[in-house]
Structures are given as structure tokens and as C-alpha cells.
PDB file of all heavy atoms in Angstrom:
ATOM      1  N   LEU A   1     -51.667  -9.685 -18.291  1.00  0.00           N
ATOM      2  CA  LEU A   1     -50.719 -10.607 -17.677  1.00  0.00           C
ATOM      3  C   LEU A   1     -49.281 -10.123 -18.045  1.00  0.00           C
ATOM      4  O   LEU A   1     -48.423 -10.155 -17.174  1.00  0.00           O
ATOM      5  CB  LEU A   1     -51.005 -12.057 -18.155  1.00  0.00           C
ATOM      6  CG  LEU A   1     -52.283 -12.771 -17.676  1.00  0.00           C
ATOM      7  CD1 LEU A   1     -52.547 -13.949 -18.372  1.00  0.00           C
ATOM      8  CD2 LEU A   1     -52.034 -13.102 -16.148  1.00  0.00           C
ATOM      9  N   GLY A   2     -49.107  -9.819 -19.255  1.00  0.00           N
ATOM     10  CA  GLY A   2     -47.746  -9.416 -19.683  1.00  0.00           C
ATOM     11  C   GLY A   2     -47.394  -8.088 -19.100  1.00  0.00           C
ATOM     12  O   GLY A   2     -46.190  -7.848 -18.575  1.00  0.00           O
ATOM     13  N   MET A   3     -48.302  -7.105 -18.909  1.00  0.00           N
ATOM     14  CA  MET A   3     -48.071  -5.799 -18.332  1.00  0.00           C
ATOM     15  C   MET A   3     -47.614  -5.929 -16.860  1.00  0.00           C
ATOM     16  O   MET A   3     -46.644  -5.288 -16.391  1.00  0.00           O
ATOM     17  CB  MET A   3     -49.162  -4.889 -18.440  1.00  0.00           C
ATOM     18  CG  MET A   3     -49.018  -3.572 -17.838  1.00  0.00           C
ATOM     19  SD  MET A   3     -50.542  -2.485 -17.825  1.00  0.00           S
ATOM     20  CE  MET A   3     -50.978  -2.418 -19.498  1.00  0.00           C
ATOM     21  N   MET A   4     -48.281  -6.906 -16.244  1.00  0.00           N
ATOM     22  CA  MET A   4     -47.941  -6.959 -14.786  1.00  0.00           C
ATOM     23  C   MET A   4     -46.862  -8.151 -14.487  1.00  0.00           C
ATOM     24  O   MET A   4     -46.496  -8.417 -13.300  1.00  0.00           O
ATOM     25  CB  MET A   4     -49.231  -7.547 -13.952  1.00  0.00           C
ATOM     26  CG  MET A   4     -50.290  -6.488 -14.093  1.00  0.00           C
ATOM     27  SD  MET A   4     -49.794  -4.917 -13.122  1.00  0.00           S
ATOM     28  CE  MET A   4     -51.235  -3.813 -13.634  1.00  0.00           C
ATOM     29  N   ARG A   5     -46.367  -8.707 -15.600  1.00  0.00           N
ATOM     30  CA  ARG A   5     -45.284  -9.721 -15.481  1.00  0.00           C
ATOM     31  C   ARG A   5     -45.797 -10.879 -14.692  1.00  0.00           C
ATOM     32  O   ARG A   5     -45.019 -11.422 -13.787  1.00  0.00           O
ATOM     33  CB  ARG A   5     -43.991  -9.101 -14.962  1.00  0.00           C
ATOM     34  CG  ARG A   5     -43.448  -7.972 -15.926  1.00  0.00           C
ATOM     35  CD  ARG A   5     -42.046  -7.586 -15.470  1.00  0.00           C
ATOM     36  NE  ARG A   5     -41.915  -7.169 -14.110  1.00  0.00           N
ATOM     37  CZ  ARG A   5     -42.031  -5.993 -13.765  1.00  0.00           C
ATOM     38  NH1 ARG A   5     -42.575  -4.995 -14.635  1.00  0.00           N
ATOM     39  NH2 ARG A   5     -41.952  -5.491 -12.518  1.00  0.00           N
ATOM     40  N   ILE A   6     -46.968 -11.389 -14.914  1.00  0.00           N
ATOM     41  CA  ILE A   6     -47.467 -12.502 -14.105  1.00  0.00           C
ATOM     42  C   ILE A   6     -48.033 -13.558 -15.122  1.00  0.00           C
ATOM     43  O   ILE A   6     -49.000 -14.285 -14.836  1.00  0.00           O
ATOM     44  CB  ILE A   6     -48.612 -12.157 -13.166  1.00  0.00           C
ATOM     45  CG1 ILE A   6     -49.660 -11.209 -13.798  1.00  0.00           C
ATOM     46  CG2 ILE A   6     -48.021 -11.372 -11.988  1.00  0.00           C
ATOM     47  CD1 ILE A   6     -50.930 -10.969 -13.009  1.00  0.00           C
ATOM     48  N   GLU A   7     -47.420 -13.597 -16.311  1.00  0.00           N
ATOM     49  CA  GLU A   7     -47.865 -14.667 -17.293  1.00  0.00           C
ATOM     50  C   GLU A   7     -47.935 -16.039 -16.751  1.00  0.00           C
ATOM     51  O   GLU A   7     -48.928 -16.777 -17.049  1.00  0.00           O
ATOM     52  CB  GLU A   7     -47.046 -14.545 -18.623  1.00  0.00           C
ATOM     53  CG  GLU A   7     -47.041 -13.235 -19.370  1.00  0.00           C
ATOM     54  CD  GLU A   7     -45.797 -12.397 -18.929  1.00  0.00           C
ATOM     55  OE1 GLU A   7     -45.428 -12.396 -17.698  1.00  0.00           O
ATOM     56  OE2 GLU A   7     -45.275 -11.789 -19.753  1.00  0.00           O
ATOM     57  N   LYS A   8     -46.956 -16.392 -16.024  1.00  0.00           N
ATOM     58  CA  LYS A   8     -46.857 -17.783 -15.423  1.00  0.00           C
ATOM     59  C   LYS A   8     -47.894 -18.177 -14.376  1.00  0.00           C
ATOM     60  O   LYS A   8     -48.087 -19.174 -14.009  1.00  0.00           O
ATOM     61  CB  LYS A   8     -45.457 -18.031 -14.949  1.00  0.00           C
ATOM     62  CG  LYS A   8     -44.331 -17.953 -16.092  1.00  0.00           C
ATOM     63  CD  LYS A   8     -42.916 -18.246 -15.411  1.00  0.00           C
ATOM     64  CE  LYS A   8     -41.882 -18.174 -16.407  1.00  0.00           C
ATOM     65  NZ  LYS A   8     -40.541 -18.332 -15.928  1.00  0.00           N
ATOM     66  N   LEU A   9     -48.590 -17.044 -14.024  1.00  0.00           N
ATOM     67  CA  LEU A   9     -49.561 -17.366 -12.914  1.00  0.00           C
ATOM     68  C   LEU A   9     -51.017 -17.429 -13.461  1.00  0.00           C
ATOM     69  O   LEU A   9     -51.986 -17.543 -12.684  1.00  0.00           O
ATOM     70  CB  LEU A   9     -49.532 -16.159 -11.908  1.00  0.00           C
ATOM     71  CG  LEU A   9     -48.263 -15.812 -11.307  1.00  0.00           C
ATOM     72  CD1 LEU A   9     -48.385 -14.678 -10.272  1.00  0.00           C
ATOM     73  CD2 LEU A   9     -47.676 -17.053 -10.513  1.00  0.00           C
ATOM     74  N   ALA A  10     -51.160 -17.313 -14.735  1.00  0.00           N
ATOM     75  CA  ALA A  10     -52.479 -17.249 -15.436  1.00  0.00           C
ATOM     76  C   ALA A  10     -53.478 -18.405 -14.895  1.00  0.00           C
ATOM     77  O   ALA A  10     -54.645 -18.020 -14.618  1.00  0.00           O
ATOM     78  CB  ALA A  10     -52.428 -17.361 -16.838  1.00  0.00           C
ATOM     79  N   ASP A  11     -53.086 -19.549 -14.677  1.00  0.00           N
ATOM     80  CA  ASP A  11     -54.041 -20.622 -14.284  1.00  0.00           C
ATOM     81  C   ASP A  11     -53.947 -20.946 -12.779  1.00  0.00           C
ATOM     82  O   ASP A  11     -54.564 -21.945 -12.507  1.00  0.00           O
ATOM     83  CB  ASP A  11     -53.580 -21.957 -15.067  1.00  0.00           C
ATOM     84  CG  ASP A  11     -53.746 -21.745 -16.631  1.00  0.00           C
ATOM     85  OD1 ASP A  11     -54.742 -21.006 -16.982  1.00  0.00           O
ATOM     86  OD2 ASP A  11     -52.949 -22.220 -17.382  1.00  0.00           O
ATOM     87  N   ARG A  12     -53.214 -20.148 -12.042  1.00  0.00           N
ATOM     88  CA  ARG A  12     -53.222 -20.438 -10.575  1.00  0.00           C
ATOM     89  C   ARG A  12     -54.532 -19.902  -9.889  1.00  0.00           C
ATOM     90  O   ARG A  12     -55.110 -18.988 -10.397  1.00  0.00           O
ATOM     91  CB  ARG A  12     -52.034 -19.792  -9.921  1.00  0.00           C
ATOM     92  CG  ARG A  12     -50.725 -20.536 -10.278  1.00  0.00           C
ATOM     93  CD  ARG A  12     -49.713 -20.009  -9.292  1.00  0.00           C
ATOM     94  NE  ARG A  12     -48.350 -20.452  -9.713  1.00  0.00           N
ATOM     95  CZ  ARG A  12     -47.291 -20.179  -9.088  1.00  0.00           C
ATOM     96  NH1 ARG A  12     -47.279 -19.493  -8.015  1.00  0.00           N
ATOM     97  NH2 ARG A  12     -46.122 -20.623  -9.562  1.00  0.00           N
ATOM     98  N   ARG A  13     -54.871 -20.561  -8.710  1.00  0.00           N
ATOM     99  CA  ARG A  13     -55.919 -20.024  -7.967  1.00  0.00           C
ATOM    100  C   ARG A  13     -55.394 -18.927  -7.010  1.00  0.00           C
ATOM    101  O   ARG A  13     -54.193 -18.826  -6.786  1.00  0.00           O
ATOM    102  CB  ARG A  13     -56.500 -21.142  -7.043  1.00  0.00           C
ATOM    103  CG  ARG A  13     -57.094 -22.468  -7.828  1.00  0.00           C
ATOM    104  CD  ARG A  13     -57.877 -23.291  -6.778  1.00  0.00           C
ATOM    105  NE  ARG A  13     -57.007 -23.485  -5.573  1.00  0.00           N
ATOM    106  CZ  ARG A  13     -56.210 -24.490  -5.362  1.00  0.00           C
ATOM    107  NH1 ARG A  13     -55.952 -25.380  -6.388  1.00  0.00           N
ATOM    108  NH2 ARG A  13     -55.572 -24.680  -4.302  1.00  0.00           N
ATOM    109  N   ILE A  14     -56.307 -18.072  -6.657  1.00  0.00           N
ATOM    110  CA  ILE A  14     -55.933 -16.848  -5.828  1.00  0.00           C
ATOM    111  C   ILE A  14     -55.218 -17.211  -4.560  1.00  0.00           C
ATOM    112  O   ILE A  14     -54.254 -16.619  -4.148  1.00  0.00           O
ATOM    113  CB  ILE A  14     -57.161 -16.047  -5.536  1.00  0.00           C
ATOM    114  CG1 ILE A  14     -57.792 -15.593  -6.836  1.00  0.00           C
ATOM    115  CG2 ILE A  14     -56.830 -14.846  -4.608  1.00  0.00           C
ATOM    116  CD1 ILE A  14     -56.798 -14.776  -7.663  1.00  0.00           C
ATOM    117  N   ASP A  15     -55.680 -18.439  -3.898  1.00  0.00           N
ATOM    118  CA  ASP A  15     -55.079 -18.730  -2.644  1.00  0.00           C
ATOM    119  C   ASP A  15     -53.628 -19.374  -2.786  1.00  0.00           C
ATOM    120  O   ASP A  15     -52.963 -19.619  -1.865  1.00  0.00           O
ATOM    121  CB  ASP A  15     -55.901 -19.868  -1.924  1.00  0.00           C
ATOM    122  CG  ASP A  15     -56.217 -21.094  -2.704  1.00  0.00           C
ATOM    123  OD1 ASP A  15     -55.585 -21.343  -3.757  1.00  0.00           O
ATOM    124  OD2 ASP A  15     -56.924 -21.967  -2.192  1.00  0.00           O
ATOM    125  N   GLN A  16     -53.097 -19.546  -4.010  1.00  0.00           N
ATOM    126  CA  GLN A  16     -51.825 -19.932  -4.330  1.00  0.00           C
ATOM    127  C   GLN A  16     -50.823 -18.760  -4.561  1.00  0.00           C
ATOM    128  O   GLN A  16     -49.666 -19.007  -4.771  1.00  0.00           O
ATOM    129  CB  GLN A  16     -51.783 -20.803  -5.520  1.00  0.00           C
ATOM    130  CG  GLN A  16     -52.689 -22.218  -5.275  1.00  0.00           C
ATOM    131  CD  GLN A  16     -52.661 -22.994  -6.661  1.00  0.00           C
ATOM    132  OE1 GLN A  16     -52.909 -22.477  -7.695  1.00  0.00           O
ATOM    133  NE2 GLN A  16     -52.272 -24.269  -6.502  1.00  0.00           N
ATOM    134  N   LEU A  17     -51.294 -17.497  -4.317  1.00  0.00           N
ATOM    135  CA  LEU A  17     -50.525 -16.334  -4.747  1.00  0.00           C
ATOM    136  C   LEU A  17     -50.090 -15.666  -3.399  1.00  0.00           C
ATOM    137  O   LEU A  17     -50.797 -15.737  -2.376  1.00  0.00           O
ATOM    138  CB  LEU A  17     -51.447 -15.434  -5.509  1.00  0.00           C
ATOM    139  CG  LEU A  17     -52.152 -15.859  -6.844  1.00  0.00           C
ATOM    140  CD1 LEU A  17     -52.911 -14.662  -7.448  1.00  0.00           C
ATOM    141  CD2 LEU A  17     -51.066 -16.354  -7.702  1.00  0.00           C
ATOM    142  N   SER A  18     -48.886 -14.979  -3.575  1.00  0.00           N
ATOM    143  CA  SER A  18     -48.419 -14.093  -2.436  1.00  0.00           C
ATOM    144  C   SER A  18     -49.203 -12.842  -2.390  1.00  0.00           C
ATOM    145  O   SER A  18     -49.914 -12.538  -3.354  1.00  0.00           O
ATOM    146  CB  SER A  18     -46.980 -13.864  -2.678  1.00  0.00           C
ATOM    147  OG  SER A  18     -46.745 -13.013  -3.890  1.00  0.00           O
ATOM    148  N   GLY A  19     -48.961 -12.013  -1.456  1.00  0.00           N
ATOM    149  CA  GLY A  19     -49.606 -10.765  -1.295  1.00  0.00           C
ATOM    150  C   GLY A  19     -49.292  -9.860  -2.480  1.00  0.00           C
ATOM    151  O   GLY A  19     -50.185  -9.217  -3.197  1.00  0.00           O
ATOM    152  N   GLY A  20     -48.001  -9.754  -2.976  1.00  0.00           N
ATOM    153  CA  GLY A  20     -47.658  -8.923  -4.063  1.00  0.00           C
ATOM    154  C   GLY A  20     -48.210  -9.438  -5.371  1.00  0.00           C
ATOM    155  O   GLY A  20     -48.679  -8.624  -6.186  1.00  0.00           O
ATOM    156  N   GLN A  21     -48.359 -10.738  -5.517  1.00  0.00           N
ATOM    157  CA  GLN A  21     -48.989 -11.298  -6.742  1.00  0.00           C
ATOM    158  C   GLN A  21     -50.508 -11.007  -6.800  1.00  0.00           C
ATOM    159  O   GLN A  21     -50.982 -10.562  -7.769  1.00  0.00           O
ATOM    160  CB  GLN A  21     -48.670 -12.749  -6.756  1.00  0.00           C
ATOM    161  CG  GLN A  21     -47.313 -13.194  -7.054  1.00  0.00           C
ATOM    162  CD  GLN A  21     -47.028 -14.660  -6.786  1.00  0.00           C
ATOM    163  OE1 GLN A  21     -47.760 -15.288  -6.106  1.00  0.00           O
ATOM    164  NE2 GLN A  21     -45.977 -15.225  -7.413  1.00  0.00           N
ATOM    165  N   ARG A  22     -51.128 -11.092  -5.603  1.00  0.00           N
ATOM    166  CA  ARG A  22     -52.487 -10.714  -5.544  1.00  0.00           C
ATOM    167  C   ARG A  22     -52.838  -9.343  -5.922  1.00  0.00           C
ATOM    168  O   ARG A  22     -53.691  -8.868  -6.556  1.00  0.00           O
ATOM    169  CB  ARG A  22     -53.103 -11.033  -4.176  1.00  0.00           C
ATOM    170  CG  ARG A  22     -53.209 -12.500  -3.900  1.00  0.00           C
ATOM    171  CD  ARG A  22     -53.802 -12.747  -2.546  1.00  0.00           C
ATOM    172  NE  ARG A  22     -53.610 -14.108  -2.055  1.00  0.00           N
ATOM    173  CZ  ARG A  22     -54.230 -14.673  -1.125  1.00  0.00           C
ATOM    174  NH1 ARG A  22     -55.127 -14.050  -0.393  1.00  0.00           N
ATOM    175  NH2 ARG A  22     -53.977 -16.000  -0.746  1.00  0.00           N
ATOM    176  N   GLN A  23     -51.919  -8.388  -5.428  1.00  0.00           N
ATOM    177  CA  GLN A  23     -52.078  -7.024  -5.788  1.00  0.00           C
ATOM    178  C   GLN A  23     -51.919  -6.697  -7.158  1.00  0.00           C
ATOM    179  O   GLN A  23     -52.608  -5.849  -7.824  1.00  0.00           O
ATOM    180  CB  GLN A  23     -50.941  -6.226  -4.951  1.00  0.00           C
ATOM    181  CG  GLN A  23     -51.054  -4.683  -5.060  1.00  0.00           C
ATOM    182  CD  GLN A  23     -52.465  -4.179  -4.788  1.00  0.00           C
ATOM    183  OE1 GLN A  23     -53.366  -4.012  -5.527  1.00  0.00           O
ATOM    184  NE2 GLN A  23     -52.589  -3.983  -3.464  1.00  0.00           N
ATOM    185  N   ARG A  24     -51.021  -7.382  -7.850  1.00  0.00           N
ATOM    186  CA  ARG A  24     -50.826  -7.150  -9.396  1.00  0.00           C
ATOM    187  C   ARG A  24     -52.065  -7.727 -10.081  1.00  0.00           C
ATOM    188  O   ARG A  24     -52.459  -7.114 -11.107  1.00  0.00           O
ATOM    189  CB  ARG A  24     -49.572  -7.974  -9.841  1.00  0.00           C
ATOM    190  CG  ARG A  24     -48.299  -7.330  -9.364  1.00  0.00           C
ATOM    191  CD  ARG A  24     -47.162  -8.128  -9.916  1.00  0.00           C
ATOM    192  NE  ARG A  24     -45.686  -7.415  -9.484  1.00  0.00           N
ATOM    193  CZ  ARG A  24     -45.137  -7.697  -8.399  1.00  0.00           C
ATOM    194  NH1 ARG A  24     -45.500  -8.603  -7.569  1.00  0.00           N
ATOM    195  NH2 ARG A  24     -44.007  -7.112  -8.150  1.00  0.00           N
ATOM    196  N   VAL A  25     -52.619  -8.780  -9.598  1.00  0.00           N
ATOM    197  CA  VAL A  25     -53.864  -9.338 -10.206  1.00  0.00           C
ATOM    198  C   VAL A  25     -55.055  -8.296 -10.101  1.00  0.00           C
ATOM    199  O   VAL A  25     -55.841  -8.013 -10.939  1.00  0.00           O
ATOM    200  CB  VAL A  25     -54.226 -10.662  -9.625  1.00  0.00           C
ATOM    201  CG1 VAL A  25     -55.675 -11.146 -10.204  1.00  0.00           C
ATOM    202  CG2 VAL A  25     -53.293 -11.726  -9.893  1.00  0.00           C
ATOM    203  N   ALA A  26     -55.021  -7.691  -8.866  1.00  0.00           N
ATOM    204  CA  ALA A  26     -56.161  -6.672  -8.568  1.00  0.00           C
ATOM    205  C   ALA A  26     -56.014  -5.549  -9.462  1.00  0.00           C
ATOM    206  O   ALA A  26     -56.905  -4.940 -10.035  1.00  0.00           O
ATOM    207  CB  ALA A  26     -56.176  -6.255  -7.120  1.00  0.00           C
ATOM    208  N   LEU A  27     -54.750  -4.999  -9.745  1.00  0.00           N
ATOM    209  CA  LEU A  27     -54.527  -3.929 -10.597  1.00  0.00           C
ATOM    210  C   LEU A  27     -54.828  -4.316 -12.030  1.00  0.00           C
ATOM    211  O   LEU A  27     -55.496  -3.399 -12.764  1.00  0.00           O
ATOM    212  CB  LEU A  27     -53.030  -3.468 -10.555  1.00  0.00           C
ATOM    213  CG  LEU A  27     -52.604  -2.673  -9.339  1.00  0.00           C
ATOM    214  CD1 LEU A  27     -51.140  -2.689  -9.200  1.00  0.00           C
ATOM    215  CD2 LEU A  27     -53.138  -1.227  -9.477  1.00  0.00           C
ATOM    216  N   ALA A  28     -54.417  -5.504 -12.454  1.00  0.00           N
ATOM    217  CA  ALA A  28     -54.751  -5.955 -13.880  1.00  0.00           C
ATOM    218  C   ALA A  28     -56.237  -5.919 -14.116  1.00  0.00           C
ATOM    219  O   ALA A  28     -56.702  -5.523 -15.115  1.00  0.00           O
ATOM    220  CB  ALA A  28     -54.127  -7.233 -14.106  1.00  0.00           C
ATOM    221  N   ARG A  29     -57.006  -6.479 -13.092  1.00  0.00           N
ATOM    222  CA  ARG A  29     -58.408  -6.586 -13.240  1.00  0.00           C
ATOM    223  C   ARG A  29     -59.092  -5.249 -13.370  1.00  0.00           C
ATOM    224  O   ARG A  29     -59.949  -5.057 -14.159  1.00  0.00           O
ATOM    225  CB  ARG A  29     -59.059  -7.391 -12.086  1.00  0.00           C
ATOM    226  CG  ARG A  29     -60.558  -7.581 -12.308  1.00  0.00           C
ATOM    227  CD  ARG A  29     -61.186  -8.338 -11.099  1.00  0.00           C
ATOM    228  NE  ARG A  29     -61.043  -7.595  -9.816  1.00  0.00           N
ATOM    229  CZ  ARG A  29     -61.574  -7.994  -8.609  1.00  0.00           C
ATOM    230  NH1 ARG A  29     -61.995  -9.210  -8.542  1.00  0.00           N
ATOM    231  NH2 ARG A  29     -61.427  -7.255  -7.583  1.00  0.00           N
ATOM    232  N   ALA A  30     -58.593  -4.229 -12.514  1.00  0.00           N
ATOM    233  CA  ALA A  30     -59.140  -2.897 -12.562  1.00  0.00           C
ATOM    234  C   ALA A  30     -58.899  -2.226 -13.836  1.00  0.00           C
ATOM    235  O   ALA A  30     -59.774  -1.436 -14.295  1.00  0.00           O
ATOM    236  CB  ALA A  30     -58.531  -2.083 -11.413  1.00  0.00           C
ATOM    237  N   ILE A  31     -57.772  -2.427 -14.537  1.00  0.00           N
ATOM    238  CA  ILE A  31     -57.496  -1.621 -15.764  1.00  0.00           C
ATOM    239  C   ILE A  31     -57.866  -2.387 -16.944  1.00  0.00           C
ATOM    240  O   ILE A  31     -57.790  -1.851 -18.109  1.00  0.00           O
ATOM    241  CB  ILE A  31     -56.005  -1.123 -15.795  1.00  0.00           C
ATOM    242  CG1 ILE A  31     -55.051  -2.337 -15.760  1.00  0.00           C
ATOM    243  CG2 ILE A  31     -55.629  -0.288 -14.596  1.00  0.00           C
ATOM    244  CD1 ILE A  31     -53.581  -2.067 -15.841  1.00  0.00           C
ATOM    245  N   ALA A  32     -58.200  -3.705 -16.879  1.00  0.00           N
ATOM    246  CA  ALA A  32     -58.499  -4.482 -18.008  1.00  0.00           C
ATOM    247  C   ALA A  32     -59.618  -3.872 -18.873  1.00  0.00           C
ATOM    248  O   ALA A  32     -59.687  -3.999 -20.014  1.00  0.00           O
ATOM    249  CB  ALA A  32     -58.778  -5.981 -17.667  1.00  0.00           C
TER     250      ALA A  32
END
């Protein structure tokens, strides 16, 4: 979350995210 600078999004649902935010989540999941 820190690496992708999306700490404030931790508890949000996916449908509440923009396209760029979803891309950062997908990257974070892949490298976790």
C-alpha cells in the first residue's frame, strides 16, 4: 500500500476505485 501510495484506499471496495487506482492495486497484488 505504501509502495503504491494507496494507503488511504485499503478498506475501499474495488468498484469505488478509478482506473488508475485499480491498476495500482493489480500491480501491488502481483508483486506482494
